[in-house]
Amino acid sequence: MIAGSAGASLALLLERRKTAGVLLAGVGLVTLASEHRDKLGALYQKLPDYMEQGKRLLETASQLGEQVSQLAERRPG
């Protein structure tokens, strides 16, 4: 059921049927949460750390992109 709802949700989102896709994704997540409560609880506790790591990664990528852009502007030709 989880894999089926995830696949169908993806298909609906790709077809730009957002409401149905999000609803079906929710069904899959609820099913997953009901079967793996302990693992989901641990993930929930670690979520702020994952968000912070993602934020730092995006900031680093942005800075790198700016530096590449500046080097490309300075390059003759």
PDB file of N, CA and C in Angstrom:
ATOM      1  N   MET A   1       0.820  -1.190   0.000  1.00  0.00           N
ATOM      2  CA  MET A   1       0.000   0.000   0.000  1.00  0.00           C
ATOM      3  C   MET A   1       0.871   1.264   0.000  1.00  0.00           C
ATOM      4  N   ILE A   2       1.955   1.218   0.743  1.00  0.00           N
ATOM      5  CA  ILE A   2       2.823   2.396   0.838  1.00  0.00           C
ATOM      6  C   ILE A   2       3.460   2.697  -0.509  1.00  0.00           C
ATOM      7  N   ALA A   3       4.026   1.677  -1.127  1.00  0.00           N
ATOM      8  CA  ALA A   3       4.681   1.872  -2.426  1.00  0.00           C
ATOM      9  C   ALA A   3       3.665   2.276  -3.489  1.00  0.00           C
ATOM     10  N   GLY A   4       2.490   1.680  -3.452  1.00  0.00           N
ATOM     11  CA  GLY A   4       1.454   2.017  -4.428  1.00  0.00           C
ATOM     12  C   GLY A   4       0.986   3.448  -4.296  1.00  0.00           C
ATOM     13  N   SER A   5       0.780   3.891  -3.062  1.00  0.00           N
ATOM     14  CA  SER A   5       0.327   5.273  -2.873  1.00  0.00           C
ATOM     15  C   SER A   5       1.427   6.264  -3.234  1.00  0.00           C
ATOM     16  N   ALA A   6       2.684   5.896  -2.971  1.00  0.00           N
ATOM     17  CA  ALA A   6       3.798   6.780  -3.335  1.00  0.00           C
ATOM     18  C   ALA A   6       3.911   6.905  -4.850  1.00  0.00           C
ATOM     19  N   GLY A   7       3.811   5.779  -5.533  1.00  0.00           N
ATOM     20  CA  GLY A   7       3.894   5.802  -6.995  1.00  0.00           C
ATOM     21  C   GLY A   7       2.740   6.554  -7.627  1.00  0.00           C
ATOM     22  N   ALA A   8       1.538   6.292  -7.137  1.00  0.00           N
ATOM     23  CA  ALA A   8       0.360   6.981  -7.678  1.00  0.00           C
ATOM     24  C   ALA A   8       0.425   8.474  -7.373  1.00  0.00           C
ATOM     25  N   SER A   9       0.915   8.812  -6.187  1.00  0.00           N
ATOM     26  CA  SER A   9       1.058  10.220  -5.819  1.00  0.00           C
ATOM     27  C   SER A   9       2.028  10.925  -6.757  1.00  0.00           C
ATOM     28  N   LEU A  10       3.143  10.284  -7.041  1.00  0.00           N
ATOM     29  CA  LEU A  10       4.122  10.861  -7.957  1.00  0.00           C
ATOM     30  C   LEU A  10       3.535  11.052  -9.342  1.00  0.00           C
ATOM     31  N   ALA A  11       2.804  10.050  -9.807  1.00  0.00           N
ATOM     32  CA  ALA A  11       2.176  10.150 -11.129  1.00  0.00           C
ATOM     33  C   ALA A  11       1.183  11.309 -11.174  1.00  0.00           C
ATOM     34  N   LEU A  12       0.391  11.456 -10.124  1.00  0.00           N
ATOM     35  CA  LEU A  12      -0.587  12.550 -10.093  1.00  0.00           C
ATOM     36  C   LEU A  12       0.103  13.914 -10.029  1.00  0.00           C
ATOM     37  N   LEU A  13       1.180  13.992  -9.259  1.00  0.00           N
ATOM     38  CA  LEU A  13       1.895  15.265  -9.175  1.00  0.00           C
ATOM     39  C   LEU A  13       2.543  15.623 -10.510  1.00  0.00           C
ATOM     40  N   LEU A  14       3.058  14.620 -11.208  1.00  0.00           N
ATOM     41  CA  LEU A  14       3.642  14.876 -12.519  1.00  0.00           C
ATOM     42  C   LEU A  14       2.583  15.310 -13.538  1.00  0.00           C
ATOM     43  N   GLU A  15       1.355  14.860 -13.327  1.00  0.00           N
ATOM     44  CA  GLU A  15       0.249  15.264 -14.208  1.00  0.00           C
ATOM     45  C   GLU A  15      -0.366  16.590 -13.771  1.00  0.00           C
ATOM     46  N   ARG A  16       0.270  17.230 -12.795  1.00  0.00           N
ATOM     47  CA  ARG A  16      -0.170  18.526 -12.262  1.00  0.00           C
ATOM     48  C   ARG A  16      -1.530  18.454 -11.574  1.00  0.00           C
ATOM     49  N   ARG A  17      -1.809  17.337 -10.968  1.00  0.00           N
ATOM     50  CA  ARG A  17      -3.015  17.179 -10.165  1.00  0.00           C
ATOM     51  C   ARG A  17      -2.576  17.200  -8.710  1.00  0.00           C
ATOM     52  N   LYS A  18      -2.246  18.422  -8.235  1.00  0.00           N
ATOM     53  CA  LYS A  18      -1.614  18.597  -6.938  1.00  0.00           C
ATOM     54  C   LYS A  18      -2.461  18.078  -5.783  1.00  0.00           C
ATOM     55  N   THR A  19      -3.724  18.433  -5.752  1.00  0.00           N
ATOM     56  CA  THR A  19      -4.564  18.062  -4.612  1.00  0.00           C
ATOM     57  C   THR A  19      -4.634  16.550  -4.447  1.00  0.00           C
ATOM     58  N   ALA A  20      -4.908  15.847  -5.510  1.00  0.00           N
ATOM     59  CA  ALA A  20      -4.999  14.392  -5.438  1.00  0.00           C
ATOM     60  C   ALA A  20      -3.638  13.780  -5.104  1.00  0.00           C
ATOM     61  N   GLY A  21      -2.568  14.315  -5.662  1.00  0.00           N
ATOM     62  CA  GLY A  21      -1.234  13.799  -5.391  1.00  0.00           C
ATOM     63  C   GLY A  21      -0.821  13.969  -3.946  1.00  0.00           C
ATOM     64  N   VAL A  22      -1.093  15.151  -3.395  1.00  0.00           N
ATOM     65  CA  VAL A  22      -0.746  15.408  -1.993  1.00  0.00           C
ATOM     66  C   VAL A  22      -1.601  14.551  -1.067  1.00  0.00           C
ATOM     67  N   LEU A  23      -2.867  14.404  -1.388  1.00  0.00           N
ATOM     68  CA  LEU A  23      -3.754  13.577  -0.577  1.00  0.00           C
ATOM     69  C   LEU A  23      -3.270  12.126  -0.558  1.00  0.00           C
ATOM     70  N   LEU A  24      -2.916  11.603  -1.697  1.00  0.00           N
ATOM     71  CA  LEU A  24      -2.436  10.228  -1.780  1.00  0.00           C
ATOM     72  C   LEU A  24      -1.086  10.069  -1.083  1.00  0.00           C
ATOM     73  N   ALA A  25      -0.240  11.066  -1.168  1.00  0.00           N
ATOM     74  CA  ALA A  25       1.036  11.017  -0.445  1.00  0.00           C
ATOM     75  C   ALA A  25       0.785  10.989   1.057  1.00  0.00           C
ATOM     76  N   GLY A  26      -0.209  11.745   1.504  1.00  0.00           N
ATOM     77  CA  GLY A  26      -0.572  11.732   2.921  1.00  0.00           C
ATOM     78  C   GLY A  26      -1.032  10.366   3.384  1.00  0.00           C
ATOM     79  N   VAL A  27      -1.811   9.694   2.560  1.00  0.00           N
ATOM     80  CA  VAL A  27      -2.265   8.346   2.892  1.00  0.00           C
ATOM     81  C   VAL A  27      -1.059   7.417   3.055  1.00  0.00           C
ATOM     82  N   GLY A  28      -0.118   7.513   2.160  1.00  0.00           N
ATOM     83  CA  GLY A  28       1.080   6.686   2.256  1.00  0.00           C
ATOM     84  C   GLY A  28       1.890   6.987   3.504  1.00  0.00           C
ATOM     85  N   LEU A  29       2.013   8.279   3.839  1.00  0.00           N
ATOM     86  CA  LEU A  29       2.779   8.656   5.029  1.00  0.00           C
ATOM     87  C   LEU A  29       2.094   8.198   6.312  1.00  0.00           C
ATOM     88  N   VAL A  30       0.776   8.313   6.360  1.00  0.00           N
ATOM     89  CA  VAL A  30       0.039   7.861   7.540  1.00  0.00           C
ATOM     90  C   VAL A  30       0.196   6.353   7.706  1.00  0.00           C
ATOM     91  N   THR A  31       0.114   5.625   6.617  1.00  0.00           N
ATOM     92  CA  THR A  31       0.290   4.176   6.671  1.00  0.00           C
ATOM     93  C   THR A  31       1.700   3.825   7.142  1.00  0.00           C
ATOM     94  N   LEU A  32       2.681   4.503   6.601  1.00  0.00           N
ATOM     95  CA  LEU A  32       4.066   4.273   7.005  1.00  0.00           C
ATOM     96  C   LEU A  32       4.258   4.589   8.487  1.00  0.00           C
ATOM     97  N   ALA A  33       3.689   5.704   8.933  1.00  0.00           N
ATOM     98  CA  ALA A  33       3.825   6.106  10.332  1.00  0.00           C
ATOM     99  C   ALA A  33       3.163   5.101  11.265  1.00  0.00           C
ATOM    100  N   SER A  34       2.038   4.555  10.866  1.00  0.00           N
ATOM    101  CA  SER A  34       1.354   3.606  11.738  1.00  0.00           C
ATOM    102  C   SER A  34       2.110   2.287  11.855  1.00  0.00           C
ATOM    103  N   GLU A  35       2.871   1.935  10.842  1.00  0.00           N
ATOM    104  CA  GLU A  35       3.617   0.681  10.878  1.00  0.00           C
ATOM    105  C   GLU A  35       4.989   0.817  11.533  1.00  0.00           C
ATOM    106  N   HIS A  36       5.560   2.012  11.523  1.00  0.00           N
ATOM    107  CA  HIS A  36       6.924   2.213  12.037  1.00  0.00           C
ATOM    108  C   HIS A  36       6.964   3.412  12.977  1.00  0.00           C
ATOM    109  N   ARG A  37       6.189   3.375  14.033  1.00  0.00           N
ATOM    110  CA  ARG A  37       6.112   4.514  14.963  1.00  0.00           C
ATOM    111  C   ARG A  37       7.435   4.831  15.623  1.00  0.00           C
ATOM    112  N   ASP A  38       8.181   3.826  16.066  1.00  0.00           N
ATOM    113  CA  ASP A  38       9.433   4.074  16.767  1.00  0.00           C
ATOM    114  C   ASP A  38      10.467   4.734  15.861  1.00  0.00           C
ATOM    115  N   LYS A  39      10.569   4.271  14.633  1.00  0.00           N
ATOM    116  CA  LYS A  39      11.531   4.856  13.696  1.00  0.00           C
ATOM    117  C   LYS A  39      11.122   6.275  13.311  1.00  0.00           C
ATOM    118  N   LEU A  40       9.834   6.504  13.154  1.00  0.00           N
ATOM    119  CA  LEU A  40       9.360   7.838  12.802  1.00  0.00           C
ATOM    120  C   LEU A  40       9.607   8.819  13.949  1.00  0.00           C
ATOM    121  N   GLY A  41       9.444   8.331  15.180  1.00  0.00           N
ATOM    122  CA  GLY A  41       9.722   9.178  16.344  1.00  0.00           C
ATOM    123  C   GLY A  41      11.176   9.598  16.404  1.00  0.00           C
ATOM    124  N   ALA A  42      12.071   8.657  16.113  1.00  0.00           N
ATOM    125  CA  ALA A  42      13.504   8.976  16.115  1.00  0.00           C
ATOM    126  C   ALA A  42      13.830   9.978  15.008  1.00  0.00           C
ATOM    127  N   LEU A  43      13.227   9.794  13.841  1.00  0.00           N
ATOM    128  CA  LEU A  43      13.439  10.732  12.742  1.00  0.00           C
ATOM    129  C   LEU A  43      12.937  12.124  13.101  1.00  0.00           C
ATOM    130  N   TYR A  44      11.785  12.176  13.765  1.00  0.00           N
ATOM    131  CA  TYR A  44      11.205  13.454  14.171  1.00  0.00           C
ATOM    132  C   TYR A  44      12.138  14.188  15.134  1.00  0.00           C
ATOM    133  N   GLN A  45      12.796  13.438  16.011  1.00  0.00           N
ATOM    134  CA  GLN A  45      13.724  14.056  16.960  1.00  0.00           C
ATOM    135  C   GLN A  45      14.955  14.620  16.255  1.00  0.00           C
ATOM    136  N   LYS A  46      15.382  13.975  15.181  1.00  0.00           N
ATOM    137  CA  LYS A  46      16.587  14.399  14.451  1.00  0.00           C
ATOM    138  C   LYS A  46      16.294  15.423  13.360  1.00  0.00           C
ATOM    139  N   LEU A  47      15.043  15.684  13.081  1.00  0.00           N
ATOM    140  CA  LEU A  47      14.668  16.566  11.980  1.00  0.00           C
ATOM    141  C   LEU A  47      15.313  17.949  12.047  1.00  0.00           C
ATOM    142  N   PRO A  48      15.361  18.616  13.206  1.00  0.00           N
ATOM    143  CA  PRO A  48      16.022  19.940  13.238  1.00  0.00           C
ATOM    144  C   PRO A  48      17.493  19.880  12.803  1.00  0.00           C
ATOM    145  N   ASP A  49      18.183  18.811  13.187  1.00  0.00           N
ATOM    146  CA  ASP A  49      19.586  18.671  12.771  1.00  0.00           C
ATOM    147  C   ASP A  49      19.694  18.500  11.263  1.00  0.00           C
ATOM    148  N   TYR A  50      18.798  17.694  10.690  1.00  0.00           N
ATOM    149  CA  TYR A  50      18.808  17.503   9.240  1.00  0.00           C
ATOM    150  C   TYR A  50      18.496  18.810   8.511  1.00  0.00           C
ATOM    151  N   MET A  51      17.583  19.581   9.057  1.00  0.00           N
ATOM    152  CA  MET A  51      17.235  20.866   8.439  1.00  0.00           C
ATOM    153  C   MET A  51      18.433  21.815   8.471  1.00  0.00           C
ATOM    154  N   GLU A  52      19.144  21.842   9.585  1.00  0.00           N
ATOM    155  CA  GLU A  52      20.313  22.711   9.710  1.00  0.00           C
ATOM    156  C   GLU A  52      21.409  22.287   8.741  1.00  0.00           C
ATOM    157  N   GLN A  53      21.644  20.986   8.602  1.00  0.00           N
ATOM    158  CA  GLN A  53      22.648  20.496   7.667  1.00  0.00           C
ATOM    159  C   GLN A  53      22.269  20.838   6.229  1.00  0.00           C
ATOM    160  N   GLY A  54      21.001  20.711   5.902  1.00  0.00           N
ATOM    161  CA  GLY A  54      20.538  21.065   4.562  1.00  0.00           C
ATOM    162  C   GLY A  54      20.706  22.545   4.283  1.00  0.00           C
ATOM    163  N   LYS A  55      20.412  23.354   5.293  1.00  0.00           N
ATOM    164  CA  LYS A  55      20.561  24.804   5.144  1.00  0.00           C
ATOM    165  C   LYS A  55      22.028  25.169   4.899  1.00  0.00           C
ATOM    166  N   ARG A  56      22.928  24.549   5.655  1.00  0.00           N
ATOM    167  CA  ARG A  56      24.358  24.822   5.457  1.00  0.00           C
ATOM    168  C   ARG A  56      24.826  24.372   4.078  1.00  0.00           C
ATOM    169  N   LEU A  57      24.331  23.245   3.623  1.00  0.00           N
ATOM    170  CA  LEU A  57      24.697  22.749   2.292  1.00  0.00           C
ATOM    171  C   LEU A  57      24.238  23.721   1.208  1.00  0.00           C
ATOM    172  N   LEU A  58      23.017  24.219   1.323  1.00  0.00           N
ATOM    173  CA  LEU A  58      22.513  25.175   0.331  1.00  0.00           C
ATOM    174  C   LEU A  58      23.280  26.487   0.372  1.00  0.00           C
ATOM    175  N   GLU A  59      23.643  26.944   1.564  1.00  0.00           N
ATOM    176  CA  GLU A  59      24.432  28.175   1.674  1.00  0.00           C
ATOM    177  C   GLU A  59      25.799  28.002   1.015  1.00  0.00           C
ATOM    178  N   THR A  60      26.433  26.856   1.249  1.00  0.00           N
ATOM    179  CA  THR A  60      27.739  26.580   0.651  1.00  0.00           C
ATOM    180  C   THR A  60      27.635  26.518  -0.865  1.00  0.00           C
ATOM    181  N   ALA A  61      26.604  25.855  -1.361  1.00  0.00           N
ATOM    182  CA  ALA A  61      26.406  25.769  -2.808  1.00  0.00           C
ATOM    183  C   ALA A  61      26.162  27.149  -3.402  1.00  0.00           C
ATOM    184  N   SER A  62      25.424  27.977  -2.707  1.00  0.00           N
ATOM    185  CA  SER A  62      25.151  29.328  -3.187  1.00  0.00           C
ATOM    186  C   SER A  62      26.438  30.154  -3.244  1.00  0.00           C
ATOM    187  N   GLN A  63      27.251  30.051  -2.203  1.00  0.00           N
ATOM    188  CA  GLN A  63      28.518  30.780  -2.184  1.00  0.00           C
ATOM    189  C   GLN A  63      29.439  30.298  -3.300  1.00  0.00           C
ATOM    190  N   LEU A  64      29.476  29.015  -3.512  1.00  0.00           N
ATOM    191  CA  LEU A  64      30.292  28.460  -4.583  1.00  0.00           C
ATOM    192  C   LEU A  64      29.814  28.954  -5.944  1.00  0.00           C
ATOM    193  N   GLY A  65      28.507  28.999  -6.137  1.00  0.00           N
ATOM    194  CA  GLY A  65      27.948  29.507  -7.384  1.00  0.00           C
ATOM    195  C   GLY A  65      28.303  30.966  -7.619  1.00  0.00           C
ATOM    196  N   GLU A  66      28.272  31.768  -6.551  1.00  0.00           N
ATOM    197  CA  GLU A  66      28.647  33.176  -6.676  1.00  0.00           C
ATOM    198  C   GLU A  66      30.115  33.326  -7.071  1.00  0.00           C
ATOM    199  N   GLN A  67      30.969  32.514  -6.456  1.00  0.00           N
ATOM    200  CA  GLN A  67      32.397  32.591  -6.772  1.00  0.00           C
ATOM    201  C   GLN A  67      32.667  32.179  -8.210  1.00  0.00           C
ATOM    202  N   VAL A  68      31.998  31.148  -8.679  1.00  0.00           N
ATOM    203  CA  VAL A  68      32.159  30.721 -10.067  1.00  0.00           C
ATOM    204  C   VAL A  68      31.671  31.817 -11.004  1.00  0.00           C
ATOM    205  N   SER A  69      30.587  32.447 -10.667  1.00  0.00           N
ATOM    206  CA  SER A  69      30.051  33.531 -11.492  1.00  0.00           C
ATOM    207  C   SER A  69      31.027  34.705 -11.549  1.00  0.00           C
ATOM    208  N   GLN A  70      31.625  35.035 -10.416  1.00  0.00           N
ATOM    209  CA  GLN A  70      32.590  36.135 -10.391  1.00  0.00           C
ATOM    210  C   GLN A  70      33.830  35.795 -11.218  1.00  0.00           C
ATOM    211  N   LEU A  71      34.270  34.552 -11.118  1.00  0.00           N
ATOM    212  CA  LEU A  71      35.437  34.154 -11.921  1.00  0.00           C
ATOM    213  C   LEU A  71      35.111  34.174 -13.414  1.00  0.00           C
ATOM    214  N   ALA A  72      33.918  33.803 -13.766  1.00  0.00           N
ATOM    215  CA  ALA A  72      33.532  33.817 -15.181  1.00  0.00           C
ATOM    216  C   ALA A  72      33.453  35.245 -15.724  1.00  0.00           C
ATOM    217  N   GLU A  73      33.047  36.190 -14.883  1.00  0.00           N
ATOM    218  CA  GLU A  73      32.988  37.583 -15.302  1.00  0.00           C
ATOM    219  C   GLU A  73      34.374  38.164 -15.514  1.00  0.00           C
ATOM    220  N   ARG A  74      35.335  37.746 -14.723  1.00  0.00           N
ATOM    221  CA  ARG A  74      36.700  38.269 -14.813  1.00  0.00           C
ATOM    222  C   ARG A  74      37.478  37.672 -15.972  1.00  0.00           C
ATOM    223  N   ARG A  75      37.040  36.543 -16.437  1.00  0.00           N
ATOM    224  CA  ARG A  75      37.761  35.820 -17.492  1.00  0.00           C
ATOM    225  C   ARG A  75      37.687  36.614 -18.804  1.00  0.00           C
ATOM    226  N   PRO A  76      38.840  36.851 -19.409  1.00  0.00           N
ATOM    227  CA  PRO A  76      38.832  37.600 -20.679  1.00  0.00           C
ATOM    228  C   PRO A  76      38.296  36.723 -21.827  1.00  0.00           C
ATOM    229  N   GLY A  77      37.627  37.383 -22.729  1.00  0.00           N
ATOM    230  CA  GLY A  77      37.259  36.672 -23.930  1.00  0.00           C
ATOM    231  C   GLY A  77      35.832  36.497 -24.107  1.00  0.00           C
TER     232      GLY A  77
END
